Amino acid sequence: MRRETETPWTMSVPEAGKKYYGLERNAAYRAAARGDIPTKRIGGVLRALPRVIEENLSKESQER
């Protein structure tokens, strides 16, 4: 059973764009196409990888 505080393995690209970057749907898909939002295609569906996003954001904040 997953606890509510655990980060899911995947989420929709628009959901990840909104949660982590404040992006609207189309901007989130453009960011994913550029590689700014890490994604994986699962069964033909493009999914964002929130654990990778959180790791990348953590690294960026430590570098500052």
PDB file of N, CA and C in Angstrom:
ATOM      1  N   MET A   1       0.847  -1.190   0.000  1.00  0.00           N
ATOM      2  CA  MET A   1       0.000   0.000   0.000  1.00  0.00           C
ATOM      3  C   MET A   1       0.888   1.248   0.000  1.00  0.00           C
ATOM      4  N   ARG A   2       0.573   2.185  -0.853  1.00  0.00           N
ATOM      5  CA  ARG A   2       1.345   3.424  -0.978  1.00  0.00           C
ATOM      6  C   ARG A   2       0.790   4.477  -0.030  1.00  0.00           C
ATOM      7  N   ARG A   3       1.710   5.091   0.712  1.00  0.00           N
ATOM      8  CA  ARG A   3       1.310   6.199   1.574  1.00  0.00           C
ATOM      9  C   ARG A   3       1.136   7.459   0.742  1.00  0.00           C
ATOM     10  N   GLU A   4       0.271   8.340   1.192  1.00  0.00           N
ATOM     11  CA  GLU A   4      -0.013   9.578   0.452  1.00  0.00           C
ATOM     12  C   GLU A   4       1.226  10.456   0.302  1.00  0.00           C
ATOM     13  N   THR A   5       2.181  10.362   1.222  1.00  0.00           N
ATOM     14  CA  THR A   5       3.359  11.228   1.171  1.00  0.00           C
ATOM     15  C   THR A   5       4.428  10.700   0.218  1.00  0.00           C
ATOM     16  N   GLU A   6       4.317   9.443  -0.224  1.00  0.00           N
ATOM     17  CA  GLU A   6       5.298   8.887  -1.144  1.00  0.00           C
ATOM     18  C   GLU A   6       5.101   9.463  -2.542  1.00  0.00           C
ATOM     19  N   THR A   7       6.195   9.692  -3.210  1.00  0.00           N
ATOM     20  CA  THR A   7       6.146  10.182  -4.581  1.00  0.00           C
ATOM     21  C   THR A   7       5.827   9.007  -5.501  1.00  0.00           C
ATOM     22  N   PRO A   8       4.851   9.152  -6.397  1.00  0.00           N
ATOM     23  CA  PRO A   8       4.532   8.062  -7.315  1.00  0.00           C
ATOM     24  C   PRO A   8       5.664   7.852  -8.316  1.00  0.00           C
ATOM     25  N   TRP A   9       5.714   6.669  -8.914  1.00  0.00           N
ATOM     26  CA  TRP A   9       6.736   6.387  -9.920  1.00  0.00           C
ATOM     27  C   TRP A   9       6.499   7.182 -11.193  1.00  0.00           C
ATOM     28  N   THR A  10       5.238   7.342 -11.579  1.00  0.00           N
ATOM     29  CA  THR A  10       4.914   8.116 -12.774  1.00  0.00           C
ATOM     30  C   THR A  10       3.682   8.973 -12.516  1.00  0.00           C
ATOM     31  N   MET A  11       3.516   9.976 -13.355  1.00  0.00           N
ATOM     32  CA  MET A  11       2.299  10.797 -13.346  1.00  0.00           C
ATOM     33  C   MET A  11       2.157  11.389 -14.741  1.00  0.00           C
ATOM     34  N   SER A  12       1.006  11.954 -15.007  1.00  0.00           N
ATOM     35  CA  SER A  12       0.801  12.545 -16.328  1.00  0.00           C
ATOM     36  C   SER A  12       1.750  13.733 -16.521  1.00  0.00           C
ATOM     37  N   VAL A  13       2.083  13.978 -17.760  1.00  0.00           N
ATOM     38  CA  VAL A  13       2.979  15.098 -18.075  1.00  0.00           C
ATOM     39  C   VAL A  13       2.367  16.434 -17.630  1.00  0.00           C
ATOM     40  N   PRO A  14       1.081  16.699 -17.927  1.00  0.00           N
ATOM     41  CA  PRO A  14       0.507  17.970 -17.464  1.00  0.00           C
ATOM     42  C   PRO A  14       0.503  18.106 -15.938  1.00  0.00           C
ATOM     43  N   GLU A  15       0.235  17.002 -15.237  1.00  0.00           N
ATOM     44  CA  GLU A  15       0.223  17.033 -13.773  1.00  0.00           C
ATOM     45  C   GLU A  15       1.620  17.355 -13.229  1.00  0.00           C
ATOM     46  N   ALA A  16       2.640  16.718 -13.781  1.00  0.00           N
ATOM     47  CA  ALA A  16       4.010  16.976 -13.350  1.00  0.00           C
ATOM     48  C   ALA A  16       4.441  18.399 -13.689  1.00  0.00           C
ATOM     49  N   GLY A  17       4.096  18.851 -14.892  1.00  0.00           N
ATOM     50  CA  GLY A  17       4.446  20.217 -15.291  1.00  0.00           C
ATOM     51  C   GLY A  17       3.838  21.243 -14.361  1.00  0.00           C
ATOM     52  N   LYS A  18       2.587  21.029 -13.984  1.00  0.00           N
ATOM     53  CA  LYS A  18       1.894  21.956 -13.080  1.00  0.00           C
ATOM     54  C   LYS A  18       2.500  21.904 -11.682  1.00  0.00           C
ATOM     55  N   LYS A  19       2.685  20.693 -11.157  1.00  0.00           N
ATOM     56  CA  LYS A  19       3.161  20.515  -9.779  1.00  0.00           C
ATOM     57  C   LYS A  19       4.584  21.034  -9.573  1.00  0.00           C
ATOM     58  N   TYR A  20       5.487  20.715 -10.489  1.00  0.00           N
ATOM     59  CA  TYR A  20       6.897  21.031 -10.270  1.00  0.00           C
ATOM     60  C   TYR A  20       7.366  22.331 -10.919  1.00  0.00           C
ATOM     61  N   TYR A  21       6.681  22.773 -11.967  1.00  0.00           N
ATOM     62  CA  TYR A  21       7.160  23.948 -12.699  1.00  0.00           C
ATOM     63  C   TYR A  21       6.111  25.028 -12.912  1.00  0.00           C
ATOM     64  N   GLY A  22       4.871  24.769 -12.510  1.00  0.00           N
ATOM     65  CA  GLY A  22       3.811  25.750 -12.689  1.00  0.00           C
ATOM     66  C   GLY A  22       3.399  25.932 -14.139  1.00  0.00           C
ATOM     67  N   LEU A  23       3.538  24.881 -14.938  1.00  0.00           N
ATOM     68  CA  LEU A  23       3.237  24.959 -16.367  1.00  0.00           C
ATOM     69  C   LEU A  23       1.821  24.508 -16.670  1.00  0.00           C
ATOM     70  N   GLU A  24       1.248  25.077 -17.693  1.00  0.00           N
ATOM     71  CA  GLU A  24      -0.040  24.613 -18.206  1.00  0.00           C
ATOM     72  C   GLU A  24       0.205  23.410 -19.112  1.00  0.00           C
ATOM     73  N   ARG A  25      -0.859  22.774 -19.553  1.00  0.00           N
ATOM     74  CA  ARG A  25      -0.792  21.511 -20.294  1.00  0.00           C
ATOM     75  C   ARG A  25       0.145  21.565 -21.502  1.00  0.00           C
ATOM     76  N   ASN A  26      -0.079  22.498 -22.415  1.00  0.00           N
ATOM     77  CA  ASN A  26       0.727  22.550 -23.637  1.00  0.00           C
ATOM     78  C   ASN A  26       2.193  22.862 -23.351  1.00  0.00           C
ATOM     79  N   ALA A  27       2.434  23.745 -22.402  1.00  0.00           N
ATOM     80  CA  ALA A  27       3.810  24.075 -22.033  1.00  0.00           C
ATOM     81  C   ALA A  27       4.506  22.861 -21.420  1.00  0.00           C
ATOM     82  N   ALA A  28       3.781  22.066 -20.658  1.00  0.00           N
ATOM     83  CA  ALA A  28       4.358  20.865 -20.049  1.00  0.00           C
ATOM     84  C   ALA A  28       4.772  19.870 -21.136  1.00  0.00           C
ATOM     85  N   TYR A  29       3.929  19.678 -22.145  1.00  0.00           N
ATOM     86  CA  TYR A  29       4.285  18.763 -23.236  1.00  0.00           C
ATOM     87  C   TYR A  29       5.467  19.294 -24.045  1.00  0.00           C
ATOM     88  N   ARG A  30       5.541  20.603 -24.230  1.00  0.00           N
ATOM     89  CA  ARG A  30       6.704  21.176 -24.936  1.00  0.00           C
ATOM     90  C   ARG A  30       7.975  20.963 -24.123  1.00  0.00           C
ATOM     91  N   ALA A  31       7.888  21.158 -22.802  1.00  0.00           N
ATOM     92  CA  ALA A  31       9.049  20.936 -21.929  1.00  0.00           C
ATOM     93  C   ALA A  31       9.478  19.468 -21.970  1.00  0.00           C
ATOM     94  N   ALA A  32       8.515  18.565 -22.007  1.00  0.00           N
ATOM     95  CA  ALA A  32       8.833  17.136 -22.094  1.00  0.00           C
ATOM     96  C   ALA A  32       9.510  16.825 -23.425  1.00  0.00           C
ATOM     97  N   ALA A  33       9.035  17.434 -24.506  1.00  0.00           N
ATOM     98  CA  ALA A  33       9.632  17.209 -25.826  1.00  0.00           C
ATOM     99  C   ALA A  33      11.078  17.703 -25.868  1.00  0.00           C
ATOM    100  N   ARG A  34      11.371  18.787 -25.142  1.00  0.00           N
ATOM    101  CA  ARG A  34      12.745  19.323 -25.065  1.00  0.00           C
ATOM    102  C   ARG A  34      13.623  18.497 -24.139  1.00  0.00           C
ATOM    103  N   GLY A  35      13.009  17.668 -23.294  1.00  0.00           N
ATOM    104  CA  GLY A  35      13.776  16.889 -22.326  1.00  0.00           C
ATOM    105  C   GLY A  35      13.866  17.551 -20.968  1.00  0.00           C
ATOM    106  N   ASP A  36      13.181  18.675 -20.782  1.00  0.00           N
ATOM    107  CA  ASP A  36      13.211  19.368 -19.491  1.00  0.00           C
ATOM    108  C   ASP A  36      12.400  18.628 -18.429  1.00  0.00           C
ATOM    109  N   ILE A  37      11.389  17.890 -18.858  1.00  0.00           N
ATOM    110  CA  ILE A  37      10.624  17.034 -17.955  1.00  0.00           C
ATOM    111  C   ILE A  37      10.961  15.601 -18.350  1.00  0.00           C
ATOM    112  N   PRO A  38      11.619  14.842 -17.451  1.00  0.00           N
ATOM    113  CA  PRO A  38      11.970  13.460 -17.780  1.00  0.00           C
ATOM    114  C   PRO A  38      10.711  12.611 -17.955  1.00  0.00           C
ATOM    115  N   THR A  39      10.684  11.837 -19.024  1.00  0.00           N
ATOM    116  CA  THR A  39       9.506  11.035 -19.328  1.00  0.00           C
ATOM    117  C   THR A  39       9.898   9.632 -19.751  1.00  0.00           C
ATOM    118  N   LYS A  40       8.909   8.765 -19.750  1.00  0.00           N
ATOM    119  CA  LYS A  40       9.049   7.398 -20.247  1.00  0.00           C
ATOM    120  C   LYS A  40       7.751   7.034 -20.935  1.00  0.00           C
ATOM    121  N   ARG A  41       7.842   6.390 -22.085  1.00  0.00           N
ATOM    122  CA  ARG A  41       6.648   5.938 -22.788  1.00  0.00           C
ATOM    123  C   ARG A  41       6.301   4.554 -22.249  1.00  0.00           C
ATOM    124  N   ILE A  42       5.097   4.432 -21.703  1.00  0.00           N
ATOM    125  CA  ILE A  42       4.632   3.175 -21.121  1.00  0.00           C
ATOM    126  C   ILE A  42       3.340   2.789 -21.834  1.00  0.00           C
ATOM    127  N   GLY A  43       3.398   1.691 -22.562  1.00  0.00           N
ATOM    128  CA  GLY A  43       2.212   1.232 -23.280  1.00  0.00           C
ATOM    129  C   GLY A  43       1.651   2.257 -24.241  1.00  0.00           C
ATOM    130  N   GLY A  44       2.518   3.038 -24.853  1.00  0.00           N
ATOM    131  CA  GLY A  44       2.076   4.041 -25.808  1.00  0.00           C
ATOM    132  C   GLY A  44       1.672   5.366 -25.183  1.00  0.00           C
ATOM    133  N   VAL A  45       1.751   5.453 -23.855  1.00  0.00           N
ATOM    134  CA  VAL A  45       1.362   6.677 -23.148  1.00  0.00           C
ATOM    135  C   VAL A  45       2.619   7.329 -22.575  1.00  0.00           C
ATOM    136  N   LEU A  46       2.772   8.618 -22.797  1.00  0.00           N
ATOM    137  CA  LEU A  46       3.913   9.357 -22.271  1.00  0.00           C
ATOM    138  C   LEU A  46       3.651   9.710 -20.813  1.00  0.00           C
ATOM    139  N   ARG A  47       4.534   9.263 -19.921  1.00  0.00           N
ATOM    140  CA  ARG A  47       4.376   9.515 -18.485  1.00  0.00           C
ATOM    141  C   ARG A  47       5.609  10.245 -17.970  1.00  0.00           C
ATOM    142  N   ALA A  48       5.398  11.191 -17.050  1.00  0.00           N
ATOM    143  CA  ALA A  48       6.489  11.914 -16.411  1.00  0.00           C
ATOM    144  C   ALA A  48       7.025  11.080 -15.256  1.00  0.00           C
ATOM    145  N   LEU A  49       8.285  11.308 -14.919  1.00  0.00           N
ATOM    146  CA  LEU A  49       8.959  10.569 -13.848  1.00  0.00           C
ATOM    147  C   LEU A  49       9.233  11.511 -12.671  1.00  0.00           C
ATOM    148  N   PRO A  50       8.277  11.644 -11.752  1.00  0.00           N
ATOM    149  CA  PRO A  50       8.414  12.633 -10.680  1.00  0.00           C
ATOM    150  C   PRO A  50       9.602  12.396  -9.753  1.00  0.00           C
ATOM    151  N   ARG A  51       9.998  11.166  -9.532  1.00  0.00           N
ATOM    152  CA  ARG A  51      11.155  10.915  -8.663  1.00  0.00           C
ATOM    153  C   ARG A  51      12.436  11.460  -9.298  1.00  0.00           C
ATOM    154  N   VAL A  52      12.542  11.350 -10.612  1.00  0.00           N
ATOM    155  CA  VAL A  52      13.694  11.901 -11.323  1.00  0.00           C
ATOM    156  C   VAL A  52      13.630  13.429 -11.297  1.00  0.00           C
ATOM    157  N   ILE A  53      12.447  13.978 -11.477  1.00  0.00           N
ATOM    158  CA  ILE A  53      12.278  15.441 -11.423  1.00  0.00           C
ATOM    159  C   ILE A  53      12.716  15.955 -10.057  1.00  0.00           C
ATOM    160  N   GLU A  54      12.255  15.315  -8.989  1.00  0.00           N
ATOM    161  CA  GLU A  54      12.615  15.753  -7.641  1.00  0.00           C
ATOM    162  C   GLU A  54      14.114  15.649  -7.405  1.00  0.00           C
ATOM    163  N   GLU A  55      14.726  14.584  -7.905  1.00  0.00           N
ATOM    164  CA  GLU A  55      16.172  14.423  -7.774  1.00  0.00           C
ATOM    165  C   GLU A  55      16.906  15.542  -8.512  1.00  0.00           C
ATOM    166  N   ASN A  56      16.468  15.846  -9.735  1.00  0.00           N
ATOM    167  CA  ASN A  56      17.097  16.915 -10.526  1.00  0.00           C
ATOM    168  C   ASN A  56      16.933  18.271  -9.851  1.00  0.00           C
ATOM    169  N   LEU A  57      15.742  18.548  -9.337  1.00  0.00           N
ATOM    170  CA  LEU A  57      15.515  19.827  -8.664  1.00  0.00           C
ATOM    171  C   LEU A  57      16.349  19.938  -7.393  1.00  0.00           C
ATOM    172  N   SER A  58      16.520  18.827  -6.691  1.00  0.00           N
ATOM    173  CA  SER A  58      17.331  18.819  -5.481  1.00  0.00           C
ATOM    174  C   SER A  58      18.796  19.117  -5.822  1.00  0.00           C
ATOM    175  N   LYS A  59      19.296  18.513  -6.899  1.00  0.00           N
ATOM    176  CA  LYS A  59      20.672  18.760  -7.331  1.00  0.00           C
ATOM    177  C   LYS A  59      20.864  20.227  -7.711  1.00  0.00           C
ATOM    178  N   GLU A  60      19.885  20.778  -8.431  1.00  0.00           N
ATOM    179  CA  GLU A  60      19.982  22.179  -8.851  1.00  0.00           C
ATOM    180  C   GLU A  60      20.015  23.116  -7.653  1.00  0.00           C
ATOM    181  N   SER A  61      19.208  22.838  -6.639  1.00  0.00           N
ATOM    182  CA  SER A  61      19.171  23.727  -5.471  1.00  0.00           C
ATOM    183  C   SER A  61      20.452  23.596  -4.658  1.00  0.00           C
ATOM    184  N   GLN A  62      21.090  22.423  -4.661  1.00  0.00           N
ATOM    185  CA  GLN A  62      22.347  22.245  -3.934  1.00  0.00           C
ATOM    186  C   GLN A  62      23.505  22.942  -4.636  1.00  0.00           C
ATOM    187  N   GLU A  63      23.416  23.076  -5.948  1.00  0.00           N
ATOM    188  CA  GLU A  63      24.473  23.725  -6.720  1.00  0.00           C
ATOM    189  C   GLU A  63      24.480  25.230  -6.544  1.00  0.00           C
ATOM    190  N   ARG A  64      23.395  25.781  -6.075  1.00  0.00           N
ATOM    191  CA  ARG A  64      23.300  27.249  -5.929  1.00  0.00           C
ATOM    192  C   ARG A  64      23.978  27.720  -4.713  1.00  0.00           C
TER     193      ARG A  64
END
